[in-house]
Amino acid sequence: QACANCTFYQGKPTDAWGSCAIFANKQVAAKGWCSAYVKKA
């Protein structure tokens, strides 16, 4: 359950950081975790 394979993560899977649809105008760590995690289809 890492941000890099979450539906809301908007960065590339290889990026260390990327945008997230949950946290507007914020960068999140690709290896991060949060309670809103939803696995990409």
N, C-alpha and C. Protein backbone atom coordinates (compact mmCIF):
# COMPACT_ATOMS: atom_id res chain seq x y z
N GLN A 1 0.82 -1.19 0.00
CA GLN A 1 0.00 0.00 0.00
C GLN A 1 0.87 1.25 0.00
N ALA A 2 1.54 1.48 -1.09
CA ALA A 2 2.37 2.67 -1.23
C ALA A 2 1.70 3.65 -2.18
N CYS A 3 1.97 4.92 -2.00
CA CYS A 3 1.36 5.95 -2.84
C CYS A 3 1.61 5.71 -4.34
N ALA A 4 2.77 5.19 -4.69
CA ALA A 4 3.11 5.00 -6.10
C ALA A 4 2.13 4.11 -6.85
N ASN A 5 1.43 3.20 -6.16
CA ASN A 5 0.46 2.34 -6.85
C ASN A 5 -0.97 2.61 -6.38
N CYS A 6 -1.21 3.86 -5.98
CA CYS A 6 -2.55 4.29 -5.54
C CYS A 6 -3.25 5.03 -6.68
N THR A 7 -4.55 4.90 -6.76
CA THR A 7 -5.36 5.59 -7.76
C THR A 7 -5.17 7.10 -7.71
N PHE A 8 -4.99 7.66 -6.53
CA PHE A 8 -4.93 9.11 -6.36
C PHE A 8 -3.56 9.70 -6.67
N TYR A 9 -2.52 8.87 -6.75
CA TYR A 9 -1.16 9.34 -7.03
C TYR A 9 -1.07 9.76 -8.48
N GLN A 10 -0.59 10.99 -8.74
CA GLN A 10 -0.57 11.51 -10.10
C GLN A 10 0.83 11.60 -10.70
N GLY A 11 1.84 11.19 -9.93
CA GLY A 11 3.20 11.15 -10.46
C GLY A 11 3.43 9.86 -11.24
N LYS A 12 4.60 9.76 -11.84
CA LYS A 12 4.96 8.52 -12.53
C LYS A 12 5.36 7.48 -11.48
N PRO A 13 5.15 6.21 -11.75
CA PRO A 13 5.51 5.17 -10.77
C PRO A 13 6.99 5.19 -10.38
N THR A 14 7.84 5.74 -11.25
CA THR A 14 9.27 5.80 -10.98
C THR A 14 9.70 7.08 -10.26
N ASP A 15 8.80 8.05 -10.10
CA ASP A 15 9.11 9.31 -9.40
C ASP A 15 9.21 9.07 -7.90
N ALA A 16 10.13 9.78 -7.24
CA ALA A 16 10.25 9.68 -5.78
C ALA A 16 9.12 10.45 -5.10
N TRP A 17 8.65 11.52 -5.73
CA TRP A 17 7.56 12.34 -5.22
C TRP A 17 6.61 12.66 -6.36
N GLY A 18 5.33 12.88 -6.05
CA GLY A 18 4.36 13.23 -7.07
C GLY A 18 3.14 13.87 -6.46
N SER A 19 2.29 14.41 -7.30
CA SER A 19 1.05 15.03 -6.84
C SER A 19 0.05 13.97 -6.42
N CYS A 20 -0.88 14.38 -5.56
CA CYS A 20 -1.93 13.48 -5.09
C CYS A 20 -3.26 14.19 -5.18
N ALA A 21 -4.28 13.51 -5.69
CA ALA A 21 -5.61 14.09 -5.83
C ALA A 21 -6.25 14.40 -4.48
N ILE A 22 -5.86 13.72 -3.44
CA ILE A 22 -6.42 13.94 -2.10
C ILE A 22 -5.85 15.21 -1.47
N PHE A 23 -4.55 15.45 -1.66
CA PHE A 23 -3.88 16.61 -1.07
C PHE A 23 -3.57 17.62 -2.17
N ALA A 24 -4.50 18.53 -2.42
CA ALA A 24 -4.35 19.51 -3.49
C ALA A 24 -3.09 20.35 -3.31
N ASN A 25 -2.35 20.52 -4.40
CA ASN A 25 -1.14 21.34 -4.43
C ASN A 25 -0.05 20.86 -3.48
N LYS A 26 -0.05 19.57 -3.16
CA LYS A 26 0.97 19.00 -2.28
C LYS A 26 1.67 17.85 -3.00
N GLN A 27 2.93 17.65 -2.69
CA GLN A 27 3.68 16.51 -3.20
C GLN A 27 3.70 15.44 -2.12
N VAL A 28 3.56 14.20 -2.52
CA VAL A 28 3.62 13.08 -1.58
C VAL A 28 4.73 12.13 -2.01
N ALA A 29 5.30 11.43 -1.05
CA ALA A 29 6.36 10.46 -1.34
C ALA A 29 5.76 9.23 -2.00
N ALA A 30 6.41 8.75 -3.05
CA ALA A 30 5.93 7.55 -3.74
C ALA A 30 5.86 6.35 -2.80
N LYS A 31 6.75 6.31 -1.81
CA LYS A 31 6.77 5.21 -0.86
C LYS A 31 5.94 5.53 0.38
N GLY A 32 5.19 6.62 0.33
CA GLY A 32 4.36 7.02 1.47
C GLY A 32 3.11 6.16 1.60
N TRP A 33 2.36 6.43 2.65
CA TRP A 33 1.13 5.69 2.94
C TRP A 33 0.11 6.65 3.54
N CYS A 34 -1.17 6.46 3.25
CA CYS A 34 -2.23 7.21 3.93
C CYS A 34 -3.50 6.37 3.97
N SER A 35 -4.45 6.79 4.78
CA SER A 35 -5.68 6.01 4.98
C SER A 35 -6.63 6.07 3.78
N ALA A 36 -6.37 6.94 2.80
CA ALA A 36 -7.24 7.06 1.62
C ALA A 36 -6.77 6.16 0.47
N TYR A 37 -5.79 5.30 0.72
CA TYR A 37 -5.20 4.44 -0.31
C TYR A 37 -6.27 3.61 -1.04
N VAL A 38 -6.20 3.65 -2.38
CA VAL A 38 -7.04 2.80 -3.24
C VAL A 38 -6.13 2.27 -4.34
N LYS A 39 -5.97 0.96 -4.42
CA LYS A 39 -5.07 0.35 -5.40
C LYS A 39 -5.49 0.70 -6.82
N LYS A 40 -4.50 1.04 -7.66
CA LYS A 40 -4.78 1.32 -9.07
C LYS A 40 -5.32 0.07 -9.74
N ALA A 41 -6.24 0.28 -10.65
CA ALA A 41 -6.84 -0.85 -11.38
C ALA A 41 -5.89 -1.43 -12.39
